[in-house]
Amino acid sequence: MRTVVAMLLAGIASSALPAEPTAILFVGNSYTFGRLDPVMSYNAASVEDMTRPRPDLPGAPFTDTTGTRAWEPHPWGGVPGIFKQLTAQAGLDYTVSMSARNAATLRGHFLNTANPNWDLRGNIAAQKWDIVVLQEQSDAGLPAGRGANANLPQFGAYADKIEQFIHIGAAHTYRERQLYIQLYGSTAGCVAAGGTEASCSNNALRTIPANPNANPEAKVYLAQTWARPDMVFAHLATIANADYPTVPDGRPIVDTTNPDFPNGFPDTLYYSNLAAMTMDLHTSFHDKARANPGFAGVIPAGDAFLRALEEHVAKDDGFYDAAGVYTTAQPRDRMNLWWDDYLHASKYGSYLSALVHFGAITRIDPWSFGASERAASDLGIAPGDAVRLQRVASDQLALAGIALQRLPCLHANPRAAGAANNCLSK
């Protein structure tokens, strides 16, 4: 009897203990950290920015800002910051971390090809994660010849490498040339599959230490990137305006040193429409997830972008004028999901991306938030626009076969927004 009582008391005591927060890591690049404010610094205090400079810690890593830009100051919040705000409103306990750098590929993260002061692979091994989201470089996952950085073999190989590093974490050495020969039969087979000659033939020995925090139970997601207007519509070449702080966000300006200026367009077009590019990205990411059961799934952010265009929620044309210069004009009733460079997301696009991440990971319907959702308000997104983006995210997740739980209204005053509030229609 004493044994039974002791067991019951132990059970009661253990049930009273608060659950450990869910630890999530976002691995990515400027798509992840948001590129510019208000997204870039959003909720940064609640996100562990693992590549921020740390002069406060003697001898600590990340004191060198080489490879960063003046108009992208740390600490970053970005999409992880919006995600954190959404989880807090839903009553979920997440600790959110981000390891990101400009233009980083998954290969770059795994092999630490950034400046030597950063340890991107070390960030992945820094603790035992419950969830990891992998964001590839924007066009690296495209088929051969369909993007300046298209390298489908590299994307697939290093998505697998990071998945295995997270789940198993065994120390090992390898040569990339041999890796691709094993996958494609020869370096020529690797090139035929969309790899570059340099990447397929690289014979350098790679030495990977063990991951002391490997977690076979971690959920690892691939975040599908979105189509880019700058790869679809004719335009003059642009460069970032480096006149900081006069131009605080490095917005694009026409590159008058380009030999095509002003009599033509640079050869940077790869698709005839955004839908075709989205389909190629969809295929690459979903094929990878299906081929490797170690992935928990694909976060269909890119598909949600296309849905927003097709449902006339976001503008789908008019990104450049007749002279090939970018324009910021948009129809009165449509949002622009892209920033001025028509590569990175605007605040609307980053918000949509965060909603899709939230729904795919938590399985809570992002449409539950309604018009009073706080992150949208903080970012300057009108209540009606927030609801429209929430519904796009919800519909896309449902189409992807992700079962969502619709919660009661999560905002404080469900009737304040009137008919625009989705909670009133459910």
Foldseek 3Di string as FASTA:
>chain_A
DVVVVVVVVVVVVVVPDDDDAAEEEEEEECLACVLAPPQFAAQLVQEAEQLAQDPVDVPAFNVDPPQAAQLRHDDTPHLVNLLVLVCVLVVGGYRHYYYYGHQDALVCLQQVPGPPSDNSVVVLLVAAHQEYEYEGGQQCCFWAPQAPNDQNVVNLVSVVVSLCCQAPFAKDKDFQLVVVCVVQVHLVSSVVRHHDSCRNHGGDMDTGHGRPNRHNNHAYEYEQHAFFPVQADFAADWFFDRPPPVPSSRFIDHDCVPPCPQPGGDPRHRDNARVVSLVRSVCSRQVSCVVDVSHPYYLSLRVLVVLCCVVQQAPGDDQADPRRQGDDDGDPRHHHQPDNVRRHGDPLSSSLSSLSVNCQVVLAQLLLAAQVRDVCVVRVHHSLSSNVSSVSSRVVCVVVVRHHDRDHHSDDDQPPVPPSGVNVVD
